[in-house]
Amino acid sequence: MKLILTQEVSGLGSPGDIVEVKDGYGRNYLVPRGLAIHWTKGGEKQVSQIRRARDARDIRDLGQAQELRAAIEGRQVRLTARAGAGGRLFGSITAADIVEAVRAAGGPELDRRRIELPGHIKTTGSHTATVRLHPEVSAKINLEVVPS
């Protein structure tokens, strides 16, 4: 099945890429979640729009990605969240929470879709998240979750 990606799919491609996937994966996962649309000749016109939007948000080159990595990795990011006894959070820390905390700590503007969490962050303490800045560059963010 030939599809046009509308959002970034880890391990598959970026928005605007035309990919060939198995029928079930495309029909049952990618298309219903809005991650891809069916490829048609008319859809080729949409590819240019999707790529223009992607280029506007993307990091331009490897040098810029390395500068951002240096700006991110040098910061200690502190998040406050409601917690119960034993340091267990009411809810969990999301990628959007991390983006907001990095911005509040004076860091660069990040895209929440590029943040990879090792698992659900549901306890107070130190945690680490990864940000994919470029296909060749990723940065580690040190998070300190404290109870409010």
C-alpha atoms as a PDB file:
ATOM      1  CA  MET A   1       0.000   0.000   0.000  1.00  0.00           C
ATOM      2  CA  LYS A   2       1.381   3.398  -0.971  1.00  0.00           C
ATOM      3  CA  LEU A   3       0.759   6.251   1.489  1.00  0.00           C
ATOM      4  CA  ILE A   4       1.744   9.878   2.008  1.00  0.00           C
ATOM      5  CA  LEU A   5       2.759  10.611   5.612  1.00  0.00           C
ATOM      6  CA  THR A   6       1.089  13.657   7.177  1.00  0.00           C
ATOM      7  CA  GLN A   7       2.976  13.428  10.485  1.00  0.00           C
ATOM      8  CA  GLU A   8       6.305  12.029  11.587  1.00  0.00           C
ATOM      9  CA  VAL A   9       6.194   8.288  12.250  1.00  0.00           C
ATOM     10  CA  SER A  10       9.183   6.922  14.142  1.00  0.00           C
ATOM     11  CA  GLY A  11      11.089   4.421  12.031  1.00  0.00           C
ATOM     12  CA  LEU A  12       9.048   5.148   8.901  1.00  0.00           C
ATOM     13  CA  GLY A  13       9.482   8.746   7.773  1.00  0.00           C
ATOM     14  CA  SER A  14       8.667  12.427   8.021  1.00  0.00           C
ATOM     15  CA  PRO A  15       5.650  14.423   6.848  1.00  0.00           C
ATOM     16  CA  GLY A  16       5.450  14.546   3.068  1.00  0.00           C
ATOM     17  CA  ASP A  17       7.309  11.280   2.518  1.00  0.00           C
ATOM     18  CA  ILE A  18       5.742   8.696   0.233  1.00  0.00           C
ATOM     19  CA  VAL A  19       6.112   5.249   1.808  1.00  0.00           C
ATOM     20  CA  GLU A  20       5.208   1.694   0.896  1.00  0.00           C
ATOM     21  CA  VAL A  21       3.754  -0.257   3.851  1.00  0.00           C
ATOM     22  CA  LYS A  22       1.844  -3.474   4.407  1.00  0.00           C
ATOM     23  CA  ASP A  23      -1.905  -3.165   3.804  1.00  0.00           C
ATOM     24  CA  GLY A  24      -2.965  -3.905   7.389  1.00  0.00           C
ATOM     25  CA  TYR A  25      -0.533  -1.413   8.928  1.00  0.00           C
ATOM     26  CA  GLY A  26      -1.740   1.330   6.621  1.00  0.00           C
ATOM     27  CA  ARG A  27      -5.441   0.525   6.776  1.00  0.00           C
ATOM     28  CA  ASN A  28      -5.693  -0.222  10.510  1.00  0.00           C
ATOM     29  CA  TYR A  29      -3.119   2.109  12.069  1.00  0.00           C
ATOM     30  CA  LEU A  30      -1.706   4.915   9.920  1.00  0.00           C
ATOM     31  CA  VAL A  31      -4.820   6.142   8.064  1.00  0.00           C
ATOM     32  CA  PRO A  32      -7.344   5.993  10.969  1.00  0.00           C
ATOM     33  CA  ARG A  33      -4.987   7.921  13.281  1.00  0.00           C
ATOM     34  CA  GLY A  34      -4.410  10.615  10.648  1.00  0.00           C
ATOM     35  CA  LEU A  35      -0.717   9.827  10.329  1.00  0.00           C
ATOM     36  CA  ALA A  36      -1.019   9.183   6.579  1.00  0.00           C
ATOM     37  CA  ILE A  37      -3.334   9.579   3.593  1.00  0.00           C
ATOM     38  CA  HIS A  38      -3.761   7.322   0.591  1.00  0.00           C
ATOM     39  CA  TRP A  39      -1.435   8.077  -2.284  1.00  0.00           C
ATOM     40  CA  THR A  40      -3.087   9.359  -5.438  1.00  0.00           C
ATOM     41  CA  LYS A  41      -1.883  11.473  -8.328  1.00  0.00           C
ATOM     42  CA  GLY A  42      -3.861  14.371  -6.840  1.00  0.00           C
ATOM     43  CA  GLY A  43      -2.225  13.700  -3.494  1.00  0.00           C
ATOM     44  CA  GLU A  44       1.153  14.489  -5.046  1.00  0.00           C
ATOM     45  CA  LYS A  45       0.106  18.161  -4.980  1.00  0.00           C
ATOM     46  CA  GLN A  46      -0.455  17.954  -1.231  1.00  0.00           C
ATOM     47  CA  VAL A  47       3.062  16.618  -0.741  1.00  0.00           C
ATOM     48  CA  SER A  48       4.569  19.988  -1.632  1.00  0.00           C
ATOM     49  CA  GLN A  49       2.329  21.749   0.922  1.00  0.00           C
ATOM     50  CA  ILE A  50       3.206  19.227   3.627  1.00  0.00           C
ATOM     51  CA  ARG A  51       6.925  19.551   2.882  1.00  0.00           C
ATOM     52  CA  ARG A  52       6.769  23.369   2.970  1.00  0.00           C
ATOM     53  CA  ALA A  53       5.134  23.225   6.412  1.00  0.00           C
ATOM     54  CA  ARG A  54       7.723  20.692   7.581  1.00  0.00           C
ATOM     55  CA  ASP A  55      10.628  22.822   6.321  1.00  0.00           C
ATOM     56  CA  ALA A  56       9.309  25.836   8.212  1.00  0.00           C
ATOM     57  CA  ARG A  57       9.449  23.904  11.529  1.00  0.00           C
ATOM     58  CA  ASP A  58      12.475  21.735  10.909  1.00  0.00           C
ATOM     59  CA  ILE A  59      15.928  22.460  12.109  1.00  0.00           C
ATOM     60  CA  ARG A  60      17.850  23.672   9.083  1.00  0.00           C
ATOM     61  CA  ASP A  61      21.122  21.776   9.270  1.00  0.00           C
ATOM     62  CA  LEU A  62      23.457  19.672  11.354  1.00  0.00           C
ATOM     63  CA  GLY A  63      25.298  22.702  12.781  1.00  0.00           C
ATOM     64  CA  GLN A  64      22.087  24.251  14.085  1.00  0.00           C
ATOM     65  CA  ALA A  65      21.076  20.908  15.623  1.00  0.00           C
ATOM     66  CA  GLN A  66      24.415  20.661  17.434  1.00  0.00           C
ATOM     67  CA  GLU A  67      24.027  24.216  18.776  1.00  0.00           C
ATOM     68  CA  LEU A  68      20.572  23.336  20.101  1.00  0.00           C
ATOM     69  CA  ARG A  69      21.941  20.164  21.684  1.00  0.00           C
ATOM     70  CA  ALA A  70      24.574  22.198  23.538  1.00  0.00           C
ATOM     71  CA  ALA A  71      21.878  24.625  24.745  1.00  0.00           C
ATOM     72  CA  ILE A  72      19.603  21.816  25.926  1.00  0.00           C
ATOM     73  CA  GLU A  73      22.089  19.440  27.568  1.00  0.00           C
ATOM     74  CA  GLY A  74      23.600  22.136  29.767  1.00  0.00           C
ATOM     75  CA  ARG A  75      20.308  22.885  31.517  1.00  0.00           C
ATOM     76  CA  GLN A  76      18.691  21.357  34.564  1.00  0.00           C
ATOM     77  CA  VAL A  77      14.949  21.361  33.914  1.00  0.00           C
ATOM     78  CA  ARG A  78      12.691  21.410  36.962  1.00  0.00           C
ATOM     79  CA  LEU A  79       9.049  20.304  36.800  1.00  0.00           C
ATOM     80  CA  THR A  80       6.526  20.636  39.610  1.00  0.00           C
ATOM     81  CA  ALA A  81       3.626  18.245  39.826  1.00  0.00           C
ATOM     82  CA  ARG A  82       1.066  17.180  42.401  1.00  0.00           C
ATOM     83  CA  ALA A  83       2.266  14.127  44.260  1.00  0.00           C
ATOM     84  CA  GLY A  84       0.950  11.881  46.984  1.00  0.00           C
ATOM     85  CA  ALA A  85       2.707   9.988  49.727  1.00  0.00           C
ATOM     86  CA  GLY A  86       5.857   8.223  48.625  1.00  0.00           C
ATOM     87  CA  GLY A  87       6.471  10.590  45.703  1.00  0.00           C
ATOM     88  CA  ARG A  88       3.905   9.047  43.372  1.00  0.00           C
ATOM     89  CA  LEU A  89       2.392  11.635  40.992  1.00  0.00           C
ATOM     90  CA  PHE A  90      -1.301  12.201  40.376  1.00  0.00           C
ATOM     91  CA  GLY A  91      -1.095  11.588  36.638  1.00  0.00           C
ATOM     92  CA  SER A  92       2.160  11.640  34.718  1.00  0.00           C
ATOM     93  CA  ILE A  93       4.612  14.011  33.065  1.00  0.00           C
ATOM     94  CA  THR A  94       3.988  14.365  29.319  1.00  0.00           C
ATOM     95  CA  ALA A  95       6.088  15.623  26.428  1.00  0.00           C
ATOM     96  CA  ALA A  96       4.060  18.860  26.413  1.00  0.00           C
ATOM     97  CA  ASP A  97       4.944  19.404  30.092  1.00  0.00           C
ATOM     98  CA  ILE A  98       8.624  18.955  29.256  1.00  0.00           C
ATOM     99  CA  VAL A  99       8.444  21.465  26.376  1.00  0.00           C
ATOM    100  CA  GLU A 100       6.865  24.035  28.706  1.00  0.00           C
ATOM    101  CA  ALA A 101       9.474  23.404  31.425  1.00  0.00           C
ATOM    102  CA  VAL A 102      12.390  23.761  28.971  1.00  0.00           C
ATOM    103  CA  ARG A 103      10.916  27.053  27.733  1.00  0.00           C
ATOM    104  CA  ALA A 104      10.483  28.256  31.343  1.00  0.00           C
ATOM    105  CA  ALA A 105      14.115  27.327  32.115  1.00  0.00           C
ATOM    106  CA  GLY A 106      15.263  29.614  29.297  1.00  0.00           C
ATOM    107  CA  GLY A 107      15.853  26.864  26.759  1.00  0.00           C
ATOM    108  CA  PRO A 108      14.949  26.777  23.072  1.00  0.00           C
ATOM    109  CA  GLU A 109      11.482  26.125  21.653  1.00  0.00           C
ATOM    110  CA  LEU A 110      11.029  22.379  21.068  1.00  0.00           C
ATOM    111  CA  ASP A 111       8.472  20.292  19.209  1.00  0.00           C
ATOM    112  CA  ARG A 112       6.706  17.905  21.603  1.00  0.00           C
ATOM    113  CA  ARG A 113       6.561  15.203  18.917  1.00  0.00           C
ATOM    114  CA  ARG A 114      10.350  14.979  18.910  1.00  0.00           C
ATOM    115  CA  ILE A 115      10.612  14.177  22.621  1.00  0.00           C
ATOM    116  CA  GLU A 116      11.016  10.504  23.483  1.00  0.00           C
ATOM    117  CA  LEU A 117      10.299   9.390  27.025  1.00  0.00           C
ATOM    118  CA  PRO A 118      11.795   6.104  28.295  1.00  0.00           C
ATOM    119  CA  GLY A 119       8.438   5.266  29.877  1.00  0.00           C
ATOM    120  CA  HIS A 120       5.751   7.003  31.849  1.00  0.00           C
ATOM    121  CA  ILE A 121       7.145   9.465  34.374  1.00  0.00           C
ATOM    122  CA  LYS A 122       4.948   8.882  37.422  1.00  0.00           C
ATOM    123  CA  THR A 123       7.315   9.516  40.325  1.00  0.00           C
ATOM    124  CA  THR A 124       9.262  12.439  41.711  1.00  0.00           C
ATOM    125  CA  GLY A 125      13.036  12.498  41.347  1.00  0.00           C
ATOM    126  CA  SER A 126      15.513  12.598  38.479  1.00  0.00           C
ATOM    127  CA  HIS A 127      14.544  11.392  35.007  1.00  0.00           C
ATOM    128  CA  THR A 128      16.034  11.627  31.520  1.00  0.00           C
ATOM    129  CA  ALA A 129      14.256  12.303  28.213  1.00  0.00           C
ATOM    130  CA  THR A 130      15.682  12.307  24.686  1.00  0.00           C
ATOM    131  CA  VAL A 131      14.990  14.928  22.003  1.00  0.00           C
ATOM    132  CA  ARG A 132      15.535  14.001  18.343  1.00  0.00           C
ATOM    133  CA  LEU A 133      16.774  17.284  16.871  1.00  0.00           C
ATOM    134  CA  HIS A 134      18.074  15.913  13.561  1.00  0.00           C
ATOM    135  CA  PRO A 135      18.408  12.398  12.125  1.00  0.00           C
ATOM    136  CA  GLU A 136      22.043  12.412  13.273  1.00  0.00           C
ATOM    137  CA  VAL A 137      21.714  14.488  16.473  1.00  0.00           C
ATOM    138  CA  SER A 138      19.782  13.810  19.646  1.00  0.00           C
ATOM    139  CA  ALA A 139      20.008  15.508  23.036  1.00  0.00           C
ATOM    140  CA  LYS A 140      19.400  14.268  26.574  1.00  0.00           C
ATOM    141  CA  ILE A 141      17.340  16.421  28.926  1.00  0.00           C
ATOM    142  CA  ASN A 142      17.859  16.009  32.673  1.00  0.00           C
ATOM    143  CA  LEU A 143      14.512  16.403  34.422  1.00  0.00           C
ATOM    144  CA  GLU A 144      13.992  16.984  38.111  1.00  0.00           C
ATOM    145  CA  VAL A 145      10.387  16.278  39.130  1.00  0.00           C
ATOM    146  CA  VAL A 146       9.475  17.832  42.466  1.00  0.00           C
ATOM    147  CA  PRO A 147       6.165  17.734  44.351  1.00  0.00           C
ATOM    148  CA  SER A 148       4.133  20.946  44.438  1.00  0.00           C
END
